[in-house]
Amino acid sequence: MSIDPTAAPSGPGCLECERDGGWWFHLRRCGECGHIGCCDSSPSQHATAHWRETGHALMRSYEPGEDWWWDFDAAAAATGPELADPQHRPLDQSAPGPVDRVPDDWRSQLH
C-alpha cells in the first residue's frame, strides 16, 4: 500500500461517471494514482470499485473543505500527506453533480 503525493487527479469528477454519463453525490481521490471516483452514497460507488479492481486502498475526500483519508483495507480512517493540486473538485461544480445529469429524485437513489 502506497501513496504518491505527486499523482495528479484524474479529472474534476468521477472518471467512470463522466465516461458513462452518470452522476455522483461526493467524490474520493485515490492516494496512489489520483483516480477520482464517486463515494459509496453515490449510485455507482466507483471509488470502492477502484479499490477492489486495483488494491489501491487509501482514498482522500475530494470535496472542498475536507482533507480526511480512508483506508479501505482496514475499513478505518487513515492519515496521509498533502497531495498535488487541485485538492478538491471545482468550487463551481455542484454536489451532487454534474448538475445537468442529477435526476430530480436523486435523494431516493443514494445508498
PDB file of N, CA and C in Angstrom:
ATOM      1  N   MET A   1       0.862  -1.164   0.000  1.00  0.00           N
ATOM      2  CA  MET A   1       0.000   0.000   0.000  1.00  0.00           C
ATOM      3  C   MET A   1       0.907   1.224   0.000  1.00  0.00           C
ATOM      4  N   SER A   2       0.651   2.117  -0.963  1.00  0.00           N
ATOM      5  CA  SER A   2       1.487   3.297  -1.043  1.00  0.00           C
ATOM      6  C   SER A   2       0.671   4.514  -1.442  1.00  0.00           C
ATOM      7  N   ILE A   3       1.284   5.673  -1.239  1.00  0.00           N
ATOM      8  CA  ILE A   3       0.692   6.943  -1.633  1.00  0.00           C
ATOM      9  C   ILE A   3       1.712   7.650  -2.512  1.00  0.00           C
ATOM     10  N   ASP A   4       1.245   8.214  -3.616  1.00  0.00           N
ATOM     11  CA  ASP A   4       2.088   9.037  -4.472  1.00  0.00           C
ATOM     12  C   ASP A   4       1.564  10.465  -4.402  1.00  0.00           C
ATOM     13  N   PRO A   5       2.173  11.310  -3.583  1.00  0.00           N
ATOM     14  CA  PRO A   5       1.667  12.673  -3.428  1.00  0.00           C
ATOM     15  C   PRO A   5       1.794  13.519  -4.695  1.00  0.00           C
ATOM     16  N   THR A   6       2.537  13.047  -5.693  1.00  0.00           N
ATOM     17  CA  THR A   6       2.682  13.805  -6.940  1.00  0.00           C
ATOM     18  C   THR A   6       1.648  13.421  -7.990  1.00  0.00           C
ATOM     19  N   ALA A   7       0.885  12.361  -7.757  1.00  0.00           N
ATOM     20  CA  ALA A   7      -0.111  11.911  -8.748  1.00  0.00           C
ATOM     21  C   ALA A   7      -1.238  12.927  -8.859  1.00  0.00           C
ATOM     22  N   ALA A   8      -1.433  13.447 -10.045  1.00  0.00           N
ATOM     23  CA  ALA A   8      -2.494  14.426 -10.279  1.00  0.00           C
ATOM     24  C   ALA A   8      -3.858  13.738 -10.302  1.00  0.00           C
ATOM     25  N   PRO A   9      -4.915  14.448  -9.919  1.00  0.00           N
ATOM     26  CA  PRO A   9      -6.259  13.873 -10.014  1.00  0.00           C
ATOM     27  C   PRO A   9      -6.597  13.534 -11.466  1.00  0.00           C
ATOM     28  N   SER A  10      -7.410  12.505 -11.654  1.00  0.00           N
ATOM     29  CA  SER A  10      -7.782  12.070 -13.000  1.00  0.00           C
ATOM     30  C   SER A  10      -8.734  13.034 -13.687  1.00  0.00           C
ATOM     31  N   GLY A  11      -9.278  13.992 -12.968  1.00  0.00           N
ATOM     32  CA  GLY A  11     -10.185  14.984 -13.547  1.00  0.00           C
ATOM     33  C   GLY A  11     -11.008  15.648 -12.470  1.00  0.00           C
ATOM     34  N   PRO A  12     -11.938  16.499 -12.857  1.00  0.00           N
ATOM     35  CA  PRO A  12     -12.747  17.225 -11.881  1.00  0.00           C
ATOM     36  C   PRO A  12     -13.912  16.431 -11.308  1.00  0.00           C
ATOM     37  N   GLY A  13     -14.239  15.298 -11.939  1.00  0.00           N
ATOM     38  CA  GLY A  13     -15.360  14.485 -11.493  1.00  0.00           C
ATOM     39  C   GLY A  13     -15.024  13.009 -11.548  1.00  0.00           C
ATOM     40  N   CYS A  14     -15.979  12.185 -11.175  1.00  0.00           N
ATOM     41  CA  CYS A  14     -15.788  10.734 -11.199  1.00  0.00           C
ATOM     42  C   CYS A  14     -15.458  10.282 -12.621  1.00  0.00           C
ATOM     43  N   LEU A  15     -14.327   9.606 -12.758  1.00  0.00           N
ATOM     44  CA  LEU A  15     -13.845   9.185 -14.071  1.00  0.00           C
ATOM     45  C   LEU A  15     -14.868   8.320 -14.802  1.00  0.00           C
ATOM     46  N   GLU A  16     -15.408   7.324 -14.118  1.00  0.00           N
ATOM     47  CA  GLU A  16     -16.362   6.404 -14.753  1.00  0.00           C
ATOM     48  C   GLU A  16     -17.722   7.057 -14.989  1.00  0.00           C
ATOM     49  N   CYS A  17     -18.198   7.868 -14.049  1.00  0.00           N
ATOM     50  CA  CYS A  17     -19.482   8.557 -14.257  1.00  0.00           C
ATOM     51  C   CYS A  17     -19.394   9.505 -15.441  1.00  0.00           C
ATOM     52  N   GLU A  18     -18.252  10.202 -15.574  1.00  0.00           N
ATOM     53  CA  GLU A  18     -18.067  11.085 -16.728  1.00  0.00           C
ATOM     54  C   GLU A  18     -18.099  10.273 -18.019  1.00  0.00           C
ATOM     55  N   ARG A  19     -17.409   9.157 -18.029  1.00  0.00           N
ATOM     56  CA  ARG A  19     -17.354   8.302 -19.215  1.00  0.00           C
ATOM     57  C   ARG A  19     -18.733   7.751 -19.581  1.00  0.00           C
ATOM     58  N   ASP A  20     -19.499   7.354 -18.556  1.00  0.00           N
ATOM     59  CA  ASP A  20     -20.764   6.659 -18.776  1.00  0.00           C
ATOM     60  C   ASP A  20     -21.995   7.560 -18.737  1.00  0.00           C
ATOM     61  N   GLY A  21     -21.818   8.856 -18.476  1.00  0.00           N
ATOM     62  CA  GLY A  21     -22.949   9.775 -18.400  1.00  0.00           C
ATOM     63  C   GLY A  21     -23.699   9.694 -17.087  1.00  0.00           C
ATOM     64  N   GLY A  22     -23.041   9.208 -16.032  1.00  0.00           N
ATOM     65  CA  GLY A  22     -23.682   9.095 -14.723  1.00  0.00           C
ATOM     66  C   GLY A  22     -23.534  10.353 -13.882  1.00  0.00           C
ATOM     67  N   TRP A  23     -23.892  10.245 -12.626  1.00  0.00           N
ATOM     68  CA  TRP A  23     -23.789  11.361 -11.688  1.00  0.00           C
ATOM     69  C   TRP A  23     -23.303  10.834 -10.351  1.00  0.00           C
ATOM     70  N   TRP A  24     -22.847  11.737  -9.498  1.00  0.00           N
ATOM     71  CA  TRP A  24     -22.290  11.361  -8.201  1.00  0.00           C
ATOM     72  C   TRP A  24     -22.800  12.274  -7.108  1.00  0.00           C
ATOM     73  N   PHE A  25     -22.681  11.786  -5.891  1.00  0.00           N
ATOM     74  CA  PHE A  25     -23.024  12.587  -4.709  1.00  0.00           C
ATOM     75  C   PHE A  25     -21.775  13.315  -4.218  1.00  0.00           C
ATOM     76  N   HIS A  26     -20.757  12.584  -3.799  1.00  0.00           N
ATOM     77  CA  HIS A  26     -19.470  13.153  -3.389  1.00  0.00           C
ATOM     78  C   HIS A  26     -18.343  12.386  -4.045  1.00  0.00           C
ATOM     79  N   LEU A  27     -17.161  12.984  -4.038  1.00  0.00           N
ATOM     80  CA  LEU A  27     -16.020  12.420  -4.754  1.00  0.00           C
ATOM     81  C   LEU A  27     -14.896  12.022  -3.817  1.00  0.00           C
ATOM     82  N   ARG A  28     -14.131  10.999  -4.230  1.00  0.00           N
ATOM     83  CA  ARG A  28     -12.977  10.495  -3.492  1.00  0.00           C
ATOM     84  C   ARG A  28     -11.793  10.401  -4.446  1.00  0.00           C
ATOM     85  N   ARG A  29     -10.599  10.623  -3.906  1.00  0.00           N
ATOM     86  CA  ARG A  29      -9.363  10.627  -4.698  1.00  0.00           C
ATOM     87  C   ARG A  29      -8.418   9.541  -4.215  1.00  0.00           C
ATOM     88  N   CYS A  30      -7.959   8.717  -5.128  1.00  0.00           N
ATOM     89  CA  CYS A  30      -7.020   7.655  -4.794  1.00  0.00           C
ATOM     90  C   CYS A  30      -5.665   8.271  -4.466  1.00  0.00           C
ATOM     91  N   GLY A  31      -5.107   7.890  -3.327  1.00  0.00           N
ATOM     92  CA  GLY A  31      -3.819   8.406  -2.912  1.00  0.00           C
ATOM     93  C   GLY A  31      -2.660   7.826  -3.699  1.00  0.00           C
ATOM     94  N   GLU A  32      -2.882   6.719  -4.361  1.00  0.00           N
ATOM     95  CA  GLU A  32      -1.796   6.076  -5.103  1.00  0.00           C
ATOM     96  C   GLU A  32      -1.692   6.560  -6.543  1.00  0.00           C
ATOM     97  N   CYS A  33      -2.842   6.689  -7.227  1.00  0.00           N
ATOM     98  CA  CYS A  33      -2.783   7.022  -8.657  1.00  0.00           C
ATOM     99  C   CYS A  33      -3.557   8.278  -9.036  1.00  0.00           C
ATOM    100  N   GLY A  34      -4.323   8.866  -8.119  1.00  0.00           N
ATOM    101  CA  GLY A  34      -5.080  10.076  -8.418  1.00  0.00           C
ATOM    102  C   GLY A  34      -6.457   9.848  -9.009  1.00  0.00           C
ATOM    103  N   HIS A  35      -6.867   8.589  -9.170  1.00  0.00           N
ATOM    104  CA  HIS A  35      -8.198   8.282  -9.716  1.00  0.00           C
ATOM    105  C   HIS A  35      -9.272   8.986  -8.888  1.00  0.00           C
ATOM    106  N   ILE A  36     -10.189   9.665  -9.564  1.00  0.00           N
ATOM    107  CA  ILE A  36     -11.339  10.282  -8.893  1.00  0.00           C
ATOM    108  C   ILE A  36     -12.540   9.372  -9.120  1.00  0.00           C
ATOM    109  N   GLY A  37     -13.135   8.940  -8.020  1.00  0.00           N
ATOM    110  CA  GLY A  37     -14.306   8.076  -8.074  1.00  0.00           C
ATOM    111  C   GLY A  37     -15.394   8.606  -7.160  1.00  0.00           C
ATOM    112  N   CYS A  38     -16.610   8.168  -7.386  1.00  0.00           N
ATOM    113  CA  CYS A  38     -17.732   8.618  -6.565  1.00  0.00           C
ATOM    114  C   CYS A  38     -17.826   7.791  -5.277  1.00  0.00           C
ATOM    115  N   CYS A  39     -18.371   8.411  -4.252  1.00  0.00           N
ATOM    116  CA  CYS A  39     -18.449   7.820  -2.910  1.00  0.00           C
ATOM    117  C   CYS A  39     -19.473   6.692  -2.830  1.00  0.00           C
ATOM    118  N   ASP A  40     -19.480   6.024  -1.696  1.00  0.00           N
ATOM    119  CA  ASP A  40     -20.399   4.896  -1.500  1.00  0.00           C
ATOM    120  C   ASP A  40     -21.857   5.303  -1.370  1.00  0.00           C
ATOM    121  N   SER A  41     -22.137   6.576  -1.153  1.00  0.00           N
ATOM    122  CA  SER A  41     -23.522   7.036  -1.167  1.00  0.00           C
ATOM    123  C   SER A  41     -24.027   7.239  -2.592  1.00  0.00           C
ATOM    124  N   SER A  42     -23.116   7.385  -3.527  1.00  0.00           N
ATOM    125  CA  SER A  42     -23.454   7.580  -4.939  1.00  0.00           C
ATOM    126  C   SER A  42     -24.011   6.287  -5.539  1.00  0.00           C
ATOM    127  N   PRO A  43     -24.830   6.402  -6.581  1.00  0.00           N
ATOM    128  CA  PRO A  43     -25.417   5.199  -7.182  1.00  0.00           C
ATOM    129  C   PRO A  43     -24.387   4.167  -7.652  1.00  0.00           C
ATOM    130  N   SER A  44     -23.263   4.597  -8.204  1.00  0.00           N
ATOM    131  CA  SER A  44     -22.324   3.646  -8.806  1.00  0.00           C
ATOM    132  C   SER A  44     -21.126   3.279  -7.948  1.00  0.00           C
ATOM    133  N   GLN A  45     -20.840   3.999  -6.900  1.00  0.00           N
ATOM    134  CA  GLN A  45     -19.790   3.659  -5.928  1.00  0.00           C
ATOM    135  C   GLN A  45     -18.459   3.318  -6.593  1.00  0.00           C
ATOM    136  N   HIS A  46     -17.989   4.198  -7.473  1.00  0.00           N
ATOM    137  CA  HIS A  46     -16.781   3.921  -8.244  1.00  0.00           C
ATOM    138  C   HIS A  46     -15.493   3.992  -7.430  1.00  0.00           C
ATOM    139  N   ALA A  47     -15.433   4.746  -6.342  1.00  0.00           N
ATOM    140  CA  ALA A  47     -14.208   4.758  -5.525  1.00  0.00           C
ATOM    141  C   ALA A  47     -13.956   3.375  -4.929  1.00  0.00           C
ATOM    142  N   THR A  48     -14.997   2.762  -4.385  1.00  0.00           N
ATOM    143  CA  THR A  48     -14.854   1.410  -3.841  1.00  0.00           C
ATOM    144  C   THR A  48     -14.524   0.419  -4.949  1.00  0.00           C
ATOM    145  N   ALA A  49     -15.140   0.560  -6.112  1.00  0.00           N
ATOM    146  CA  ALA A  49     -14.832  -0.326  -7.241  1.00  0.00           C
ATOM    147  C   ALA A  49     -13.363  -0.183  -7.642  1.00  0.00           C
ATOM    148  N   HIS A  50     -12.836   1.030  -7.600  1.00  0.00           N
ATOM    149  CA  HIS A  50     -11.426   1.249  -7.927  1.00  0.00           C
ATOM    150  C   HIS A  50     -10.534   0.488  -6.951  1.00  0.00           C
ATOM    151  N   TRP A  51     -10.834   0.565  -5.675  1.00  0.00           N
ATOM    152  CA  TRP A  51     -10.068  -0.191  -4.671  1.00  0.00           C
ATOM    153  C   TRP A  51     -10.133  -1.690  -4.962  1.00  0.00           C
ATOM    154  N   ARG A  52     -11.318  -2.199  -5.220  1.00  0.00           N
ATOM    155  CA  ARG A  52     -11.461  -3.636  -5.486  1.00  0.00           C
ATOM    156  C   ARG A  52     -10.700  -4.073  -6.732  1.00  0.00           C
ATOM    157  N   GLU A  53     -10.676  -3.226  -7.754  1.00  0.00           N
ATOM    158  CA  GLU A  53     -10.011  -3.575  -9.010  1.00  0.00           C
ATOM    159  C   GLU A  53      -8.492  -3.430  -8.930  1.00  0.00           C
ATOM    160  N   THR A  54      -8.014  -2.465  -8.148  1.00  0.00           N
ATOM    161  CA  THR A  54      -6.580  -2.149  -8.160  1.00  0.00           C
ATOM    162  C   THR A  54      -5.853  -2.487  -6.870  1.00  0.00           C
ATOM    163  N   GLY A  55      -6.589  -2.596  -5.758  1.00  0.00           N
ATOM    164  CA  GLY A  55      -5.945  -2.766  -4.463  1.00  0.00           C
ATOM    165  C   GLY A  55      -5.436  -1.467  -3.871  1.00  0.00           C
ATOM    166  N   HIS A  56      -5.701  -0.349  -4.530  1.00  0.00           N
ATOM    167  CA  HIS A  56      -5.301   0.966  -4.013  1.00  0.00           C
ATOM    168  C   HIS A  56      -6.256   1.333  -2.870  1.00  0.00           C
ATOM    169  N   ALA A  57      -5.816   1.135  -1.657  1.00  0.00           N
ATOM    170  CA  ALA A  57      -6.721   1.206  -0.504  1.00  0.00           C
ATOM    171  C   ALA A  57      -6.883   2.589   0.112  1.00  0.00           C
ATOM    172  N   LEU A  58      -5.944   3.487  -0.095  1.00  0.00           N
ATOM    173  CA  LEU A  58      -6.007   4.783   0.583  1.00  0.00           C
ATOM    174  C   LEU A  58      -6.643   5.837  -0.314  1.00  0.00           C
ATOM    175  N   MET A  59      -7.766   6.359   0.147  1.00  0.00           N
ATOM    176  CA  MET A  59      -8.504   7.379  -0.587  1.00  0.00           C
ATOM    177  C   MET A  59      -8.670   8.606   0.300  1.00  0.00           C
ATOM    178  N   ARG A  60      -8.693   9.748  -0.345  1.00  0.00           N
ATOM    179  CA  ARG A  60      -8.911  11.010   0.357  1.00  0.00           C
ATOM    180  C   ARG A  60     -10.169  11.663  -0.199  1.00  0.00           C
ATOM    181  N   SER A  61     -10.878  12.402   0.640  1.00  0.00           N
ATOM    182  CA  SER A  61     -12.025  13.151   0.151  1.00  0.00           C
ATOM    183  C   SER A  61     -11.567  14.126  -0.922  1.00  0.00           C
ATOM    184  N   TYR A  62     -12.395  14.319  -1.935  1.00  0.00           N
ATOM    185  CA  TYR A  62     -12.115  15.287  -3.000  1.00  0.00           C
ATOM    186  C   TYR A  62     -13.176  16.382  -2.981  1.00  0.00           C
ATOM    187  N   GLU A  63     -13.690  16.631  -1.786  1.00  0.00           N
ATOM    188  CA  GLU A  63     -14.705  17.663  -1.577  1.00  0.00           C
ATOM    189  C   GLU A  63     -14.073  18.900  -0.944  1.00  0.00           C
ATOM    190  N   PRO A  64     -14.530  20.097  -1.322  1.00  0.00           N
ATOM    191  CA  PRO A  64     -13.991  21.326  -0.730  1.00  0.00           C
ATOM    192  C   PRO A  64     -14.126  21.313   0.792  1.00  0.00           C
ATOM    193  N   GLY A  65     -13.072  21.740   1.463  1.00  0.00           N
ATOM    194  CA  GLY A  65     -13.094  21.842   2.918  1.00  0.00           C
ATOM    195  C   GLY A  65     -12.860  20.533   3.650  1.00  0.00           C
ATOM    196  N   GLU A  66     -12.635  19.439   2.930  1.00  0.00           N
ATOM    197  CA  GLU A  66     -12.410  18.133   3.558  1.00  0.00           C
ATOM    198  C   GLU A  66     -11.017  17.625   3.192  1.00  0.00           C
ATOM    199  N   ASP A  67     -10.301  17.120   4.199  1.00  0.00           N
ATOM    200  CA  ASP A  67      -8.973  16.574   3.929  1.00  0.00           C
ATOM    201  C   ASP A  67      -8.754  15.225   4.596  1.00  0.00           C
ATOM    202  N   TRP A  68      -9.846  14.523   4.897  1.00  0.00           N
ATOM    203  CA  TRP A  68      -9.743  13.240   5.584  1.00  0.00           C
ATOM    204  C   TRP A  68      -9.422  12.110   4.602  1.00  0.00           C
ATOM    205  N   TRP A  69      -8.812  11.068   5.162  1.00  0.00           N
ATOM    206  CA  TRP A  69      -8.411   9.873   4.420  1.00  0.00           C
ATOM    207  C   TRP A  69      -9.206   8.667   4.903  1.00  0.00           C
ATOM    208  N   TRP A  70      -9.345   7.679   4.028  1.00  0.00           N
ATOM    209  CA  TRP A  70      -9.994   6.412   4.359  1.00  0.00           C
ATOM    210  C   TRP A  70      -9.119   5.278   3.846  1.00  0.00           C
ATOM    211  N   ASP A  71      -8.958   4.248   4.684  1.00  0.00           N
ATOM    212  CA  ASP A  71      -8.219   3.042   4.320  1.00  0.00           C
ATOM    213  C   ASP A  71      -9.232   1.928   4.104  1.00  0.00           C
ATOM    214  N   PHE A  72      -9.461   1.551   2.860  1.00  0.00           N
ATOM    215  CA  PHE A  72     -10.437   0.512   2.550  1.00  0.00           C
ATOM    216  C   PHE A  72     -10.035  -0.839   3.128  1.00  0.00           C
ATOM    217  N   ASP A  73      -8.741  -1.163   3.135  1.00  0.00           N
ATOM    218  CA  ASP A  73      -8.306  -2.446   3.675  1.00  0.00           C
ATOM    219  C   ASP A  73      -8.627  -2.572   5.157  1.00  0.00           C
ATOM    220  N   ALA A  74      -8.397  -1.511   5.916  1.00  0.00           N
ATOM    221  CA  ALA A  74      -8.637  -1.520   7.354  1.00  0.00           C
ATOM    222  C   ALA A  74     -10.067  -1.118   7.707  1.00  0.00           C
ATOM    223  N   ALA A  75     -10.822  -0.607   6.724  1.00  0.00           N
ATOM    224  CA  ALA A  75     -12.163  -0.067   6.966  1.00  0.00           C
ATOM    225  C   ALA A  75     -12.133   0.928   8.117  1.00  0.00           C
ATOM    226  N   ALA A  76     -11.179   1.862   8.011  1.00  0.00           N
ATOM    227  CA  ALA A  76     -10.986   2.834   9.084  1.00  0.00           C
ATOM    228  C   ALA A  76     -10.389   4.123   8.531  1.00  0.00           C
ATOM    229  N   ALA A  77     -10.550   5.182   9.308  1.00  0.00           N
ATOM    230  CA  ALA A  77      -9.915   6.450   8.956  1.00  0.00           C
ATOM    231  C   ALA A  77      -8.410   6.268   8.917  1.00  0.00           C
ATOM    232  N   ALA A  78      -7.756   7.070   8.099  1.00  0.00           N
ATOM    233  CA  ALA A  78      -6.307   6.971   7.937  1.00  0.00           C
ATOM    234  C   ALA A  78      -5.719   8.379   7.861  1.00  0.00           C
ATOM    235  N   THR A  79      -4.413   8.437   7.750  1.00  0.00           N
ATOM    236  CA  THR A  79      -3.724   9.711   7.555  1.00  0.00           C
ATOM    237  C   THR A  79      -2.869   9.607   6.307  1.00  0.00           C
ATOM    238  N   GLY A  80      -2.586  10.749   5.733  1.00  0.00           N
ATOM    239  CA  GLY A  80      -1.756  10.778   4.545  1.00  0.00           C
ATOM    240  C   GLY A  80      -1.200  12.163   4.330  1.00  0.00           C
ATOM    241  N   PRO A  81      -0.285  12.278   3.375  1.00  0.00           N
ATOM    242  CA  PRO A  81       0.363  13.556   3.108  1.00  0.00           C
ATOM    243  C   PRO A  81      -0.513  14.488   2.280  1.00  0.00           C
ATOM    244  N   GLU A  82      -0.057  15.709   2.139  1.00  0.00           N
ATOM    245  CA  GLU A  82      -0.671  16.660   1.209  1.00  0.00           C
ATOM    246  C   GLU A  82      -0.471  16.107  -0.195  1.00  0.00           C
ATOM    247  N   LEU A  83      -1.493  16.206  -1.022  1.00  0.00           N
ATOM    248  CA  LEU A  83      -1.428  15.702  -2.390  1.00  0.00           C
ATOM    249  C   LEU A  83      -1.261  16.856  -3.376  1.00  0.00           C
ATOM    250  N   ALA A  84      -0.865  16.520  -4.593  1.00  0.00           N
ATOM    251  CA  ALA A  84      -0.718  17.515  -5.658  1.00  0.00           C
ATOM    252  C   ALA A  84      -2.053  18.224  -5.894  1.00  0.00           C
ATOM    253  N   ASP A  85      -1.991  19.482  -6.212  1.00  0.00           N
ATOM    254  CA  ASP A  85      -3.198  20.254  -6.537  1.00  0.00           C
ATOM    255  C   ASP A  85      -3.825  19.751  -7.829  1.00  0.00           C
ATOM    256  N   PRO A  86      -5.128  19.933  -7.974  1.00  0.00           N
ATOM    257  CA  PRO A  86      -6.064  20.552  -7.038  1.00  0.00           C
ATOM    258  C   PRO A  86      -6.444  19.607  -5.897  1.00  0.00           C
ATOM    259  N   GLN A  87      -6.825  20.196  -4.787  1.00  0.00           N
ATOM    260  CA  GLN A  87      -7.145  19.446  -3.583  1.00  0.00           C
ATOM    261  C   GLN A  87      -8.604  18.987  -3.531  1.00  0.00           C
ATOM    262  N   HIS A  88      -9.443  19.532  -4.381  1.00  0.00           N
ATOM    263  CA  HIS A  88     -10.883  19.216  -4.364  1.00  0.00           C
ATOM    264  C   HIS A  88     -11.483  19.502  -5.724  1.00  0.00           C
ATOM    265  N   ARG A  89     -12.725  19.058  -5.875  1.00  0.00           N
ATOM    266  CA  ARG A  89     -13.459  19.330  -7.111  1.00  0.00           C
ATOM    267  C   ARG A  89     -13.583  20.843  -7.297  1.00  0.00           C
ATOM    268  N   PRO A  90     -13.855  21.306  -8.519  1.00  0.00           N
ATOM    269  CA  PRO A  90     -14.030  22.743  -8.728  1.00  0.00           C
ATOM    270  C   PRO A  90     -15.158  23.302  -7.849  1.00  0.00           C
ATOM    271  N   LEU A  91     -14.942  24.481  -7.315  1.00  0.00           N
ATOM    272  CA  LEU A  91     -15.940  25.089  -6.427  1.00  0.00           C
ATOM    273  C   LEU A  91     -17.254  25.379  -7.136  1.00  0.00           C
ATOM    274  N   ASP A  92     -17.223  25.590  -8.442  1.00  0.00           N
ATOM    275  CA  ASP A  92     -18.463  25.870  -9.174  1.00  0.00           C
ATOM    276  C   ASP A  92     -19.175  24.597  -9.644  1.00  0.00           C
ATOM    277  N   GLN A  93     -18.633  23.452  -9.287  1.00  0.00           N
ATOM    278  CA  GLN A  93     -19.252  22.159  -9.634  1.00  0.00           C
ATOM    279  C   GLN A  93     -20.192  21.752  -8.501  1.00  0.00           C
ATOM    280  N   SER A  94     -21.399  21.426  -8.834  1.00  0.00           N
ATOM    281  CA  SER A  94     -22.395  21.092  -7.813  1.00  0.00           C
ATOM    282  C   SER A  94     -22.127  19.742  -7.162  1.00  0.00           C
ATOM    283  N   ALA A  95     -22.682  19.576  -5.997  1.00  0.00           N
ATOM    284  CA  ALA A  95     -22.701  18.282  -5.308  1.00  0.00           C
ATOM    285  C   ALA A  95     -24.128  18.087  -4.822  1.00  0.00           C
ATOM    286  N   PRO A  96     -24.862  17.114  -5.337  1.00  0.00           N
ATOM    287  CA  PRO A  96     -24.420  16.148  -6.332  1.00  0.00           C
ATOM    288  C   PRO A  96     -24.159  16.813  -7.691  1.00  0.00           C
ATOM    289  N   GLY A  97     -23.483  16.084  -8.530  1.00  0.00           N
ATOM    290  CA  GLY A  97     -23.136  16.653  -9.816  1.00  0.00           C
ATOM    291  C   GLY A  97     -22.873  15.576 -10.854  1.00  0.00           C
ATOM    292  N   PRO A  98     -22.608  15.960 -12.047  1.00  0.00           N
ATOM    293  CA  PRO A  98     -22.751  17.328 -12.533  1.00  0.00           C
ATOM    294  C   PRO A  98     -24.219  17.711 -12.643  1.00  0.00           C
ATOM    295  N   VAL A  99     -24.498  18.974 -12.445  1.00  0.00           N
ATOM    296  CA  VAL A  99     -25.865  19.457 -12.277  1.00  0.00           C
ATOM    297  C   VAL A  99     -26.789  19.039 -13.415  1.00  0.00           C
ATOM    298  N   ASP A 100     -26.287  18.963 -14.639  1.00  0.00           N
ATOM    299  CA  ASP A 100     -27.154  18.625 -15.778  1.00  0.00           C
ATOM    300  C   ASP A 100     -27.502  17.139 -15.869  1.00  0.00           C
ATOM    301  N   ARG A 101     -26.896  16.297 -15.020  1.00  0.00           N
ATOM    302  CA  ARG A 101     -27.200  14.869 -15.048  1.00  0.00           C
ATOM    303  C   ARG A 101     -27.831  14.349 -13.758  1.00  0.00           C
ATOM    304  N   VAL A 102     -28.020  15.214 -12.776  1.00  0.00           N
ATOM    305  CA  VAL A 102     -28.587  14.784 -11.499  1.00  0.00           C
ATOM    306  C   VAL A 102     -30.109  14.688 -11.647  1.00  0.00           C
ATOM    307  N   PRO A 103     -30.693  13.520 -11.397  1.00  0.00           N
ATOM    308  CA  PRO A 103     -32.146  13.383 -11.535  1.00  0.00           C
ATOM    309  C   PRO A 103     -32.889  14.105 -10.416  1.00  0.00           C
ATOM    310  N   ASP A 104     -34.126  14.450 -10.676  1.00  0.00           N
ATOM    311  CA  ASP A 104     -34.938  15.143  -9.676  1.00  0.00           C
ATOM    312  C   ASP A 104     -35.097  14.331  -8.394  1.00  0.00           C
ATOM    313  N   ASP A 105     -35.138  13.022  -8.517  1.00  0.00           N
ATOM    314  CA  ASP A 105     -35.321  12.156  -7.343  1.00  0.00           C
ATOM    315  C   ASP A 105     -33.982  11.625  -6.809  1.00  0.00           C
ATOM    316  N   TRP A 106     -32.913  12.386  -6.940  1.00  0.00           N
ATOM    317  CA  TRP A 106     -31.572  11.928  -6.589  1.00  0.00           C
ATOM    318  C   TRP A 106     -31.464  11.434  -5.149  1.00  0.00           C
ATOM    319  N   ARG A 107     -32.176  12.072  -4.220  1.00  0.00           N
ATOM    320  CA  ARG A 107     -32.093  11.650  -2.816  1.00  0.00           C
ATOM    321  C   ARG A 107     -32.545  10.199  -2.645  1.00  0.00           C
ATOM    322  N   SER A 108     -33.549   9.785  -3.388  1.00  0.00           N
ATOM    323  CA  SER A 108     -34.058   8.413  -3.262  1.00  0.00           C
ATOM    324  C   SER A 108     -33.104   7.391  -3.876  1.00  0.00           C
ATOM    325  N   GLN A 109     -32.093   7.841  -4.618  1.00  0.00           N
ATOM    326  CA  GLN A 109     -31.156   6.937  -5.271  1.00  0.00           C
ATOM    327  C   GLN A 109     -29.833   6.791  -4.504  1.00  0.00           C
ATOM    328  N   LEU A 110     -29.697   7.510  -3.390  1.00  0.00           N
ATOM    329  CA  LEU A 110     -28.480   7.398  -2.592  1.00  0.00           C
ATOM    330  C   LEU A 110     -28.461   6.104  -1.805  1.00  0.00           C
ATOM    331  N   HIS A 111     -27.269   5.613  -1.552  1.00  0.00           N
ATOM    332  CA  HIS A 111     -27.092   4.393  -0.737  1.00  0.00           C
ATOM    333  C   HIS A 111     -26.877   4.773   0.706  1.00  0.00           C
TER     334      HIS A 111
END
